Amino acid sequence: MWKKLFGRTPVRVWIIKQIDPDLIHLCGEGRLDTGRKAEAVLAELSEGRYQGPVQMGDSGLILNARVFAALVPHDGLHLGADGLAHWRGRHWRVARVPQRCWAYEGRLVPQMTTQGRLHLTSTEDLSGIRRRADRERAASGTANFRAANALEDEAAFNERQRRRARPAPHREWREDDQGGR
């Protein structure tokens, strides 16, 4: 009640991860609990200047606003039952962004899924990684998945570990040996 009286209620927003020409990648609803007056926060949102914490739905997870393409006041975006959203005076297709992609900082791509009904889900764009792996495989005949700065092969590493496991020659443990004390 006090928050409502003093204008410091959390601002409800729609969280958009990425904006494509005819598609928005939507994380869902969230809150901006800044401790400031709602009017000031809404003014920053409308100008695209908001910087700060974003609470992701009811998950309790808080992320920085910089990882999102847009934060839209709750009444600024309307979702239709047909999988379309009305925002900025036009209709957009919507791809739902799963929680694992909320903090992902690369490009997202939509994929068609069938969970009850057909809809789009966003996933990480791994095409760059696939291209590099295909180039490596074509050059060497097989893909090599070890670190680029690996200095030794596995057989040499195992041999060194085996030698370390043996006690030093002519050395044994004695109970009365207190380490030179």
N, C-alpha and C. Protein backbone atom coordinates (compact mmCIF):
# COMPACT_ATOMS: atom_id res chain seq x y z
N MET A 1 0.82 -1.19 0.00
CA MET A 1 0.00 0.00 0.00
C MET A 1 0.87 1.26 0.00
N TRP A 2 1.94 1.25 0.80
CA TRP A 2 2.80 2.43 0.86
C TRP A 2 3.48 2.68 -0.48
N LYS A 3 3.88 1.59 -1.15
CA LYS A 3 4.50 1.75 -2.45
C LYS A 3 3.55 2.44 -3.42
N LYS A 4 2.29 2.05 -3.38
CA LYS A 4 1.30 2.64 -4.27
C LYS A 4 1.08 4.12 -3.95
N LEU A 5 1.07 4.45 -2.66
CA LEU A 5 0.88 5.85 -2.27
C LEU A 5 2.03 6.74 -2.72
N PHE A 6 3.24 6.24 -2.64
CA PHE A 6 4.40 7.05 -2.97
C PHE A 6 4.91 6.84 -4.40
N GLY A 7 4.18 6.06 -5.21
CA GLY A 7 4.52 5.91 -6.62
C GLY A 7 5.73 5.06 -6.90
N ARG A 8 6.09 4.16 -6.01
CA ARG A 8 7.28 3.35 -6.22
C ARG A 8 6.93 1.88 -6.45
N THR A 9 5.88 1.65 -7.16
CA THR A 9 5.50 0.28 -7.49
C THR A 9 6.40 -0.22 -8.61
N PRO A 10 6.69 -1.50 -8.65
CA PRO A 10 7.49 -2.03 -9.75
C PRO A 10 6.77 -1.82 -11.09
N VAL A 11 7.53 -1.56 -12.12
CA VAL A 11 6.98 -1.35 -13.46
C VAL A 11 6.97 -2.68 -14.19
N ARG A 12 5.81 -3.11 -14.65
CA ARG A 12 5.69 -4.36 -15.41
C ARG A 12 6.06 -4.10 -16.86
N VAL A 13 6.88 -4.99 -17.43
CA VAL A 13 7.35 -4.83 -18.80
C VAL A 13 7.31 -6.16 -19.55
N TRP A 14 7.28 -6.06 -20.87
CA TRP A 14 7.53 -7.19 -21.75
C TRP A 14 9.01 -7.13 -22.09
N ILE A 15 9.68 -8.27 -22.07
CA ILE A 15 11.12 -8.32 -22.31
C ILE A 15 11.37 -8.93 -23.68
N ILE A 16 11.96 -8.13 -24.57
CA ILE A 16 12.26 -8.57 -25.93
C ILE A 16 13.77 -8.77 -26.04
N LYS A 17 14.16 -9.97 -26.39
CA LYS A 17 15.58 -10.32 -26.48
C LYS A 17 16.21 -9.85 -27.80
N GLN A 18 15.47 -10.01 -28.90
CA GLN A 18 16.02 -9.67 -30.22
C GLN A 18 14.87 -9.25 -31.12
N ILE A 19 15.15 -8.30 -32.01
CA ILE A 19 14.15 -7.82 -32.95
C ILE A 19 14.65 -8.10 -34.36
N ASP A 20 13.90 -8.92 -35.11
CA ASP A 20 14.18 -9.21 -36.51
C ASP A 20 13.20 -8.40 -37.36
N PRO A 21 13.35 -8.38 -38.68
CA PRO A 21 12.47 -7.54 -39.52
C PRO A 21 10.98 -7.78 -39.31
N ASP A 22 10.54 -9.02 -39.13
CA ASP A 22 9.10 -9.28 -38.95
C ASP A 22 8.82 -10.15 -37.72
N LEU A 23 9.81 -10.29 -36.84
CA LEU A 23 9.71 -11.23 -35.72
C LEU A 23 10.35 -10.62 -34.48
N ILE A 24 9.71 -10.83 -33.34
CA ILE A 24 10.35 -10.46 -32.07
C ILE A 24 10.58 -11.73 -31.26
N HIS A 25 11.74 -11.80 -30.62
CA HIS A 25 12.09 -12.91 -29.75
C HIS A 25 11.73 -12.45 -28.34
N LEU A 26 10.66 -13.00 -27.79
CA LEU A 26 10.07 -12.53 -26.54
C LEU A 26 10.42 -13.45 -25.37
N CYS A 27 11.06 -12.88 -24.35
CA CYS A 27 11.37 -13.64 -23.14
C CYS A 27 10.13 -13.80 -22.27
N GLY A 28 9.26 -12.83 -22.30
CA GLY A 28 8.05 -12.87 -21.49
C GLY A 28 7.91 -11.60 -20.69
N GLU A 29 7.23 -11.72 -19.56
CA GLU A 29 6.99 -10.56 -18.71
C GLU A 29 8.06 -10.45 -17.63
N GLY A 30 8.26 -9.24 -17.16
CA GLY A 30 9.21 -9.00 -16.09
C GLY A 30 8.84 -7.75 -15.32
N ARG A 31 9.70 -7.40 -14.37
CA ARG A 31 9.46 -6.21 -13.55
C ARG A 31 10.74 -5.41 -13.42
N LEU A 32 10.57 -4.11 -13.32
CA LEU A 32 11.67 -3.20 -13.03
C LEU A 32 11.40 -2.65 -11.64
N ASP A 33 12.09 -3.16 -10.65
CA ASP A 33 11.90 -2.73 -9.27
C ASP A 33 13.08 -1.84 -8.90
N THR A 34 13.02 -0.57 -9.31
CA THR A 34 14.15 0.33 -9.18
C THR A 34 14.13 1.15 -7.91
N GLY A 35 12.99 1.24 -7.24
CA GLY A 35 12.89 2.09 -6.07
C GLY A 35 12.61 3.54 -6.43
N ARG A 36 12.53 3.83 -7.73
CA ARG A 36 12.22 5.19 -8.18
C ARG A 36 10.76 5.28 -8.57
N LYS A 37 10.29 6.48 -8.82
CA LYS A 37 8.91 6.68 -9.24
C LYS A 37 8.67 6.03 -10.60
N ALA A 38 7.49 5.44 -10.74
CA ALA A 38 7.15 4.73 -11.97
C ALA A 38 7.17 5.65 -13.18
N GLU A 39 6.74 6.89 -13.02
CA GLU A 39 6.71 7.82 -14.16
C GLU A 39 8.11 8.06 -14.71
N ALA A 40 9.10 8.18 -13.83
CA ALA A 40 10.48 8.40 -14.28
C ALA A 40 11.00 7.18 -15.03
N VAL A 41 10.70 5.99 -14.53
CA VAL A 41 11.15 4.76 -15.19
C VAL A 41 10.45 4.59 -16.54
N LEU A 42 9.15 4.88 -16.60
CA LEU A 42 8.42 4.79 -17.86
C LEU A 42 8.95 5.78 -18.89
N ALA A 43 9.36 6.97 -18.44
CA ALA A 43 9.94 7.96 -19.36
C ALA A 43 11.25 7.42 -19.94
N GLU A 44 12.09 6.81 -19.10
CA GLU A 44 13.34 6.21 -19.60
C GLU A 44 13.06 5.09 -20.59
N LEU A 45 12.06 4.27 -20.29
CA LEU A 45 11.71 3.18 -21.20
C LEU A 45 11.26 3.71 -22.56
N SER A 46 10.43 4.73 -22.56
CA SER A 46 9.92 5.26 -23.83
C SER A 46 11.03 5.88 -24.67
N GLU A 47 12.07 6.39 -24.02
CA GLU A 47 13.20 6.97 -24.74
C GLU A 47 14.30 5.94 -25.02
N GLY A 48 14.14 4.73 -24.52
CA GLY A 48 15.14 3.68 -24.73
C GLY A 48 16.40 3.89 -23.91
N ARG A 49 16.30 4.60 -22.79
CA ARG A 49 17.47 4.92 -21.97
C ARG A 49 17.55 4.11 -20.68
N TYR A 50 16.63 3.21 -20.43
CA TYR A 50 16.64 2.51 -19.14
C TYR A 50 17.86 1.61 -19.03
N GLN A 51 18.56 1.76 -17.91
CA GLN A 51 19.68 0.88 -17.59
C GLN A 51 19.48 0.42 -16.16
N GLY A 52 19.58 -0.85 -15.94
CA GLY A 52 19.43 -1.34 -14.58
C GLY A 52 18.95 -2.77 -14.55
N PRO A 53 18.51 -3.21 -13.37
CA PRO A 53 18.09 -4.60 -13.20
C PRO A 53 16.70 -4.87 -13.77
N VAL A 54 16.54 -6.09 -14.29
CA VAL A 54 15.26 -6.56 -14.80
C VAL A 54 14.98 -7.89 -14.13
N GLN A 55 13.87 -7.97 -13.40
CA GLN A 55 13.50 -9.25 -12.78
C GLN A 55 12.70 -10.04 -13.80
N MET A 56 13.15 -11.24 -14.08
CA MET A 56 12.57 -12.08 -15.12
C MET A 56 11.38 -12.87 -14.59
N GLY A 57 10.17 -12.43 -14.91
CA GLY A 57 8.96 -13.13 -14.53
C GLY A 57 8.91 -13.41 -13.05
N ASP A 58 8.48 -14.62 -12.71
CA ASP A 58 8.40 -15.04 -11.31
C ASP A 58 9.59 -15.90 -10.92
N SER A 59 10.61 -15.96 -11.78
CA SER A 59 11.73 -16.86 -11.52
C SER A 59 12.67 -16.36 -10.43
N GLY A 60 12.64 -15.06 -10.13
CA GLY A 60 13.57 -14.51 -9.16
C GLY A 60 14.90 -14.15 -9.78
N LEU A 61 15.11 -14.53 -11.03
CA LEU A 61 16.35 -14.23 -11.74
C LEU A 61 16.36 -12.75 -12.12
N ILE A 62 17.48 -12.08 -11.87
CA ILE A 62 17.61 -10.67 -12.21
C ILE A 62 18.77 -10.51 -13.18
N LEU A 63 18.50 -9.89 -14.34
CA LEU A 63 19.51 -9.66 -15.36
C LEU A 63 19.61 -8.17 -15.65
N ASN A 64 20.71 -7.76 -16.26
CA ASN A 64 20.91 -6.37 -16.61
C ASN A 64 20.16 -6.05 -17.91
N ALA A 65 19.61 -4.87 -18.00
CA ALA A 65 18.82 -4.48 -19.17
C ALA A 65 19.64 -4.47 -20.45
N ARG A 66 20.96 -4.38 -20.38
CA ARG A 66 21.78 -4.30 -21.58
C ARG A 66 21.76 -5.57 -22.42
N VAL A 67 21.35 -6.71 -21.85
CA VAL A 67 21.33 -7.96 -22.62
C VAL A 67 20.05 -8.11 -23.45
N PHE A 68 19.16 -7.12 -23.39
CA PHE A 68 17.89 -7.19 -24.13
C PHE A 68 17.83 -6.10 -25.19
N ALA A 69 17.09 -6.39 -26.25
CA ALA A 69 16.93 -5.42 -27.33
C ALA A 69 15.93 -4.33 -26.94
N ALA A 70 14.89 -4.70 -26.20
CA ALA A 70 13.87 -3.72 -25.81
C ALA A 70 13.15 -4.18 -24.56
N LEU A 71 12.78 -3.20 -23.77
CA LEU A 71 11.88 -3.41 -22.63
C LEU A 71 10.67 -2.53 -22.89
N VAL A 72 9.50 -3.16 -22.99
CA VAL A 72 8.29 -2.45 -23.39
C VAL A 72 7.33 -2.42 -22.19
N PRO A 73 6.81 -1.23 -21.83
CA PRO A 73 5.81 -1.20 -20.77
C PRO A 73 4.69 -2.19 -21.06
N HIS A 74 4.14 -2.79 -20.02
CA HIS A 74 3.19 -3.89 -20.18
C HIS A 74 2.03 -3.54 -21.10
N ASP A 75 1.54 -2.32 -21.06
CA ASP A 75 0.41 -1.97 -21.91
C ASP A 75 0.85 -1.51 -23.30
N GLY A 76 2.15 -1.54 -23.60
CA GLY A 76 2.66 -1.12 -24.91
C GLY A 76 2.74 -2.24 -25.92
N LEU A 77 2.58 -3.48 -25.51
CA LEU A 77 2.63 -4.63 -26.41
C LEU A 77 1.46 -5.52 -26.07
N HIS A 78 0.75 -5.96 -27.11
CA HIS A 78 -0.42 -6.81 -26.91
C HIS A 78 -0.22 -8.11 -27.67
N LEU A 79 -0.34 -9.24 -26.95
CA LEU A 79 -0.20 -10.56 -27.56
C LEU A 79 -1.57 -11.07 -27.97
N GLY A 80 -1.64 -11.58 -29.18
CA GLY A 80 -2.88 -12.18 -29.65
C GLY A 80 -2.84 -13.68 -29.51
N ALA A 81 -3.98 -14.31 -29.55
CA ALA A 81 -4.07 -15.77 -29.43
C ALA A 81 -3.49 -16.46 -30.66
N ASP A 82 -3.36 -15.74 -31.76
CA ASP A 82 -2.86 -16.33 -33.00
C ASP A 82 -1.33 -16.36 -33.08
N GLY A 83 -0.64 -15.99 -32.00
CA GLY A 83 0.82 -16.00 -32.00
C GLY A 83 1.43 -14.73 -32.54
N LEU A 84 0.62 -13.71 -32.73
CA LEU A 84 1.11 -12.42 -33.21
C LEU A 84 1.08 -11.41 -32.07
N ALA A 85 1.97 -10.44 -32.15
CA ALA A 85 1.99 -9.36 -31.17
C ALA A 85 1.77 -8.04 -31.89
N HIS A 86 1.09 -7.12 -31.23
CA HIS A 86 0.90 -5.78 -31.77
C HIS A 86 1.78 -4.84 -30.96
N TRP A 87 2.75 -4.23 -31.65
CA TRP A 87 3.71 -3.34 -30.98
C TRP A 87 4.20 -2.33 -32.00
N ARG A 88 4.37 -1.10 -31.58
CA ARG A 88 4.83 -0.01 -32.46
C ARG A 88 3.96 0.16 -33.70
N GLY A 89 2.67 -0.06 -33.54
CA GLY A 89 1.74 0.15 -34.64
C GLY A 89 1.74 -0.90 -35.72
N ARG A 90 2.35 -2.04 -35.49
CA ARG A 90 2.34 -3.11 -36.49
C ARG A 90 2.27 -4.47 -35.81
N HIS A 91 2.04 -5.48 -36.61
CA HIS A 91 1.95 -6.86 -36.12
C HIS A 91 3.28 -7.57 -36.33
N TRP A 92 3.67 -8.34 -35.35
CA TRP A 92 4.94 -9.08 -35.37
C TRP A 92 4.65 -10.56 -35.08
N ARG A 93 5.40 -11.44 -35.74
CA ARG A 93 5.39 -12.85 -35.32
C ARG A 93 6.20 -12.92 -34.03
N VAL A 94 5.89 -13.91 -33.19
CA VAL A 94 6.56 -14.02 -31.89
C VAL A 94 7.24 -15.37 -31.77
N ALA A 95 8.50 -15.34 -31.36
CA ALA A 95 9.24 -16.57 -31.01
C ALA A 95 9.52 -16.48 -29.52
N ARG A 96 9.12 -17.49 -28.79
CA ARG A 96 9.35 -17.52 -27.34
C ARG A 96 10.81 -17.88 -27.05
N VAL A 97 11.43 -17.14 -26.14
CA VAL A 97 12.82 -17.37 -25.78
C VAL A 97 12.86 -18.19 -24.49
N PRO A 98 13.45 -19.40 -24.52
CA PRO A 98 13.54 -20.21 -23.30
C PRO A 98 14.53 -19.61 -22.31
N GLN A 99 14.42 -19.98 -21.07
CA GLN A 99 15.25 -19.41 -20.01
C GLN A 99 16.75 -19.56 -20.29
N ARG A 100 17.16 -20.65 -20.90
CA ARG A 100 18.59 -20.87 -21.15
C ARG A 100 19.17 -19.80 -22.08
N CYS A 101 18.32 -19.12 -22.86
CA CYS A 101 18.79 -18.10 -23.81
C CYS A 101 18.64 -16.68 -23.30
N TRP A 102 18.09 -16.49 -22.12
CA TRP A 102 17.85 -15.13 -21.62
C TRP A 102 19.14 -14.32 -21.53
N ALA A 103 20.22 -14.92 -21.07
CA ALA A 103 21.48 -14.19 -20.91
C ALA A 103 22.42 -14.40 -22.10
N TYR A 104 22.03 -15.20 -23.08
CA TYR A 104 22.85 -15.46 -24.26
C TYR A 104 23.08 -14.16 -25.02
N GLU A 105 24.31 -13.87 -25.43
CA GLU A 105 24.60 -12.60 -26.07
C GLU A 105 24.85 -12.72 -27.57
N GLY A 106 24.59 -13.86 -28.13
CA GLY A 106 24.73 -14.02 -29.57
C GLY A 106 23.39 -13.90 -30.28
N ARG A 107 23.40 -14.23 -31.55
CA ARG A 107 22.19 -14.15 -32.37
C ARG A 107 21.28 -15.34 -32.08
N LEU A 108 19.98 -15.09 -32.09
CA LEU A 108 18.98 -16.15 -31.92
C LEU A 108 18.31 -16.43 -33.26
N VAL A 109 17.90 -17.68 -33.46
CA VAL A 109 17.16 -18.06 -34.66
C VAL A 109 15.88 -18.76 -34.23
N PRO A 110 14.78 -18.52 -34.95
CA PRO A 110 13.52 -19.17 -34.60
C PRO A 110 13.44 -20.58 -35.16
N GLN A 111 12.80 -21.46 -34.40
CA GLN A 111 12.56 -22.83 -34.87
C GLN A 111 11.11 -23.17 -34.58
N MET A 112 10.48 -23.88 -35.50
CA MET A 112 9.10 -24.29 -35.33
C MET A 112 9.04 -25.47 -34.36
N THR A 113 8.15 -25.41 -33.39
CA THR A 113 7.97 -26.52 -32.46
C THR A 113 6.51 -26.90 -32.40
N THR A 114 6.24 -28.09 -31.92
CA THR A 114 4.87 -28.54 -31.77
C THR A 114 4.65 -28.98 -30.33
N GLN A 115 4.31 -28.03 -29.51
CA GLN A 115 3.98 -28.32 -28.11
C GLN A 115 2.53 -27.92 -27.91
N GLY A 116 1.62 -28.84 -28.18
CA GLY A 116 0.21 -28.53 -28.10
C GLY A 116 -0.29 -27.92 -29.41
N ARG A 117 0.36 -26.86 -29.84
CA ARG A 117 0.05 -26.25 -31.14
C ARG A 117 1.36 -25.73 -31.73
N LEU A 118 1.32 -25.40 -33.00
CA LEU A 118 2.53 -24.92 -33.66
C LEU A 118 2.87 -23.51 -33.17
N HIS A 119 4.12 -23.31 -32.80
CA HIS A 119 4.60 -21.97 -32.48
C HIS A 119 6.11 -21.94 -32.63
N LEU A 120 6.70 -20.75 -32.55
CA LEU A 120 8.13 -20.58 -32.73
C LEU A 120 8.83 -20.49 -31.38
N THR A 121 10.01 -21.08 -31.32
CA THR A 121 10.88 -20.99 -30.15
C THR A 121 12.25 -20.54 -30.62
N SER A 122 12.86 -19.67 -29.85
CA SER A 122 14.19 -19.15 -30.20
C SER A 122 15.26 -20.10 -29.68
N THR A 123 16.29 -20.26 -30.47
CA THR A 123 17.46 -21.05 -30.05
C THR A 123 18.72 -20.29 -30.45
N GLU A 124 19.84 -20.70 -29.89
CA GLU A 124 21.11 -20.07 -30.19
C GLU A 124 21.50 -20.36 -31.64
N ASP A 125 22.05 -19.38 -32.32
CA ASP A 125 22.53 -19.56 -33.69
C ASP A 125 23.93 -20.17 -33.62
N LEU A 126 24.05 -21.43 -34.00
CA LEU A 126 25.32 -22.14 -33.93
C LEU A 126 25.95 -22.33 -35.31
N SER A 127 25.45 -21.61 -36.30
CA SER A 127 25.94 -21.81 -37.66
C SER A 127 27.43 -21.46 -37.79
N GLY A 128 27.92 -20.45 -37.07
CA GLY A 128 29.34 -20.09 -37.13
C GLY A 128 30.22 -21.21 -36.60
N ILE A 129 29.80 -21.83 -35.51
CA ILE A 129 30.56 -22.95 -34.92
C ILE A 129 30.55 -24.13 -35.88
N ARG A 130 29.40 -24.41 -36.49
CA ARG A 130 29.32 -25.52 -37.44
C ARG A 130 30.23 -25.29 -38.65
N ARG A 131 30.25 -24.04 -39.14
CA ARG A 131 31.12 -23.74 -40.29
C ARG A 131 32.58 -23.97 -39.95
N ARG A 132 33.02 -23.53 -38.76
CA ARG A 132 34.42 -23.73 -38.36
C ARG A 132 34.73 -25.22 -38.23
N ALA A 133 33.82 -25.98 -37.63
CA ALA A 133 34.05 -27.42 -37.47
C ALA A 133 34.10 -28.10 -38.83
N ASP A 134 33.24 -27.70 -39.75
CA ASP A 134 33.25 -28.29 -41.09
C ASP A 134 34.54 -27.96 -41.82
N ARG A 135 35.05 -26.72 -41.65
CA ARG A 135 36.32 -26.33 -42.28
C ARG A 135 37.46 -27.16 -41.73
N GLU A 136 37.49 -27.35 -40.40
CA GLU A 136 38.55 -28.15 -39.78
C GLU A 136 38.49 -29.60 -40.25
N ARG A 137 37.28 -30.14 -40.31
CA ARG A 137 37.11 -31.53 -40.72
C ARG A 137 37.55 -31.69 -42.17
N ALA A 138 37.21 -30.74 -43.02
CA ALA A 138 37.60 -30.83 -44.44
C ALA A 138 39.11 -30.73 -44.60
N ALA A 139 39.76 -29.91 -43.79
CA ALA A 139 41.20 -29.72 -43.90
C ALA A 139 41.97 -30.93 -43.39
N SER A 140 41.54 -31.53 -42.29
CA SER A 140 42.31 -32.62 -41.69
C SER A 140 41.68 -33.99 -41.88
N GLY A 141 40.47 -34.04 -42.36
CA GLY A 141 39.80 -35.32 -42.51
C GLY A 141 38.99 -35.70 -41.28
N THR A 142 39.37 -35.18 -40.11
CA THR A 142 38.61 -35.41 -38.88
C THR A 142 38.57 -34.11 -38.08
N ALA A 143 37.58 -33.99 -37.23
CA ALA A 143 37.50 -32.80 -36.38
C ALA A 143 38.34 -33.03 -35.13
N ASN A 144 39.10 -32.02 -34.73
CA ASN A 144 39.94 -32.09 -33.55
C ASN A 144 39.35 -31.17 -32.49
N PHE A 145 38.86 -31.71 -31.40
CA PHE A 145 38.16 -30.94 -30.39
C PHE A 145 39.01 -30.64 -29.17
N ARG A 146 40.31 -30.53 -29.28
CA ARG A 146 41.14 -30.18 -28.14
C ARG A 146 41.43 -28.69 -28.16
N ALA A 147 41.93 -28.23 -27.07
CA ALA A 147 42.21 -26.80 -26.96
C ALA A 147 43.28 -26.40 -27.98
N ALA A 148 43.15 -25.19 -28.49
CA ALA A 148 44.09 -24.72 -29.49
C ALA A 148 45.49 -24.57 -28.92
N ASN A 149 45.63 -24.37 -27.62
CA ASN A 149 46.94 -24.18 -27.01
C ASN A 149 47.43 -25.44 -26.29
N ALA A 150 46.86 -26.60 -26.61
CA ALA A 150 47.28 -27.84 -25.97
C ALA A 150 48.72 -28.14 -26.38
N LEU A 151 49.56 -28.44 -25.39
CA LEU A 151 50.98 -28.63 -25.66
C LEU A 151 51.40 -30.09 -25.69
N GLU A 152 50.56 -30.98 -25.24
CA GLU A 152 50.96 -32.38 -25.22
C GLU A 152 49.78 -33.26 -25.55
N ASP A 153 50.07 -34.46 -25.99
CA ASP A 153 48.98 -35.37 -26.28
C ASP A 153 48.60 -36.16 -25.04
N GLU A 154 47.55 -36.90 -25.11
CA GLU A 154 47.01 -37.61 -23.95
C GLU A 154 47.97 -38.69 -23.44
N ALA A 155 48.67 -39.39 -24.33
CA ALA A 155 49.59 -40.45 -23.90
C ALA A 155 50.73 -39.88 -23.06
N ALA A 156 51.28 -38.74 -23.46
CA ALA A 156 52.37 -38.12 -22.69
C ALA A 156 51.86 -37.64 -21.34
N PHE A 157 50.65 -37.12 -21.31
CA PHE A 157 50.06 -36.66 -20.05
C PHE A 157 49.85 -37.84 -19.10
N ASN A 158 49.30 -38.94 -19.61
CA ASN A 158 49.05 -40.12 -18.77
C ASN A 158 50.36 -40.69 -18.23
N GLU A 159 51.43 -40.72 -19.05
CA GLU A 159 52.72 -41.23 -18.60
C GLU A 159 53.28 -40.35 -17.49
N ARG A 160 53.17 -39.05 -17.61
CA ARG A 160 53.66 -38.15 -16.58
C ARG A 160 52.87 -38.33 -15.27
N GLN A 161 51.57 -38.53 -15.37
CA GLN A 161 50.74 -38.76 -14.19
C GLN A 161 51.11 -40.08 -13.51
N ARG A 162 51.40 -41.12 -14.32
CA ARG A 162 51.77 -42.42 -13.78
C ARG A 162 53.08 -42.32 -13.02
N ARG A 163 54.05 -41.59 -13.57
CA ARG A 163 55.34 -41.42 -12.89
C ARG A 163 55.19 -40.66 -11.58
N ARG A 164 54.31 -39.69 -11.53
CA ARG A 164 54.10 -38.91 -10.31
C ARG A 164 53.46 -39.75 -9.20
N ALA A 165 52.69 -40.74 -9.57
CA ALA A 165 51.97 -41.55 -8.58
C ALA A 165 52.92 -42.45 -7.79
N ARG A 166 54.09 -42.79 -8.33
CA ARG A 166 55.05 -43.64 -7.63
C ARG A 166 55.79 -42.82 -6.57
N PRO A 167 56.10 -43.43 -5.43
CA PRO A 167 56.89 -42.70 -4.43
C PRO A 167 58.32 -42.51 -4.94
N ALA A 168 58.98 -41.52 -4.44
CA ALA A 168 60.37 -41.26 -4.84
C ALA A 168 61.23 -42.43 -4.38
N PRO A 169 62.28 -42.79 -5.15
CA PRO A 169 63.13 -43.94 -4.76
C PRO A 169 63.87 -43.66 -3.45
N HIS A 170 64.06 -44.71 -2.65
CA HIS A 170 64.80 -44.66 -1.40
C HIS A 170 64.17 -43.72 -0.38
N ARG A 171 62.91 -43.59 -0.43
CA ARG A 171 62.23 -42.70 0.51
C ARG A 171 61.05 -43.46 1.08
N GLU A 172 60.89 -43.46 2.34
CA GLU A 172 59.74 -44.11 2.96
C GLU A 172 59.27 -43.25 4.12
N TRP A 173 58.07 -43.45 4.50
CA TRP A 173 57.46 -42.68 5.58
C TRP A 173 57.78 -43.35 6.91
N ARG A 174 58.17 -42.51 7.83
CA ARG A 174 58.39 -43.01 9.18
C ARG A 174 57.53 -42.21 10.13
N GLU A 175 56.99 -42.91 11.12
CA GLU A 175 56.09 -42.24 12.05
C GLU A 175 56.80 -41.23 12.91
N ASP A 176 58.09 -41.45 13.19
CA ASP A 176 58.82 -40.52 14.05
C ASP A 176 59.36 -39.32 13.27
N ASP A 177 59.15 -39.32 11.96
CA ASP A 177 59.61 -38.20 11.14
C ASP A 177 58.60 -37.06 11.25
N GLN A 178 58.99 -35.97 11.86
CA GLN A 178 58.11 -34.83 12.08
C GLN A 178 58.45 -33.67 11.15
N GLY A 179 59.10 -33.95 10.08
CA GLY A 179 59.40 -32.90 9.11
C GLY A 179 60.49 -31.95 9.58
N GLY A 180 61.47 -32.41 10.37
CA GLY A 180 62.58 -31.59 10.77
C GLY A 180 62.29 -30.73 11.99
N ARG A 181 61.28 -31.05 12.75
CA ARG A 181 60.95 -30.25 13.95
C ARG A 181 61.72 -30.69 15.13
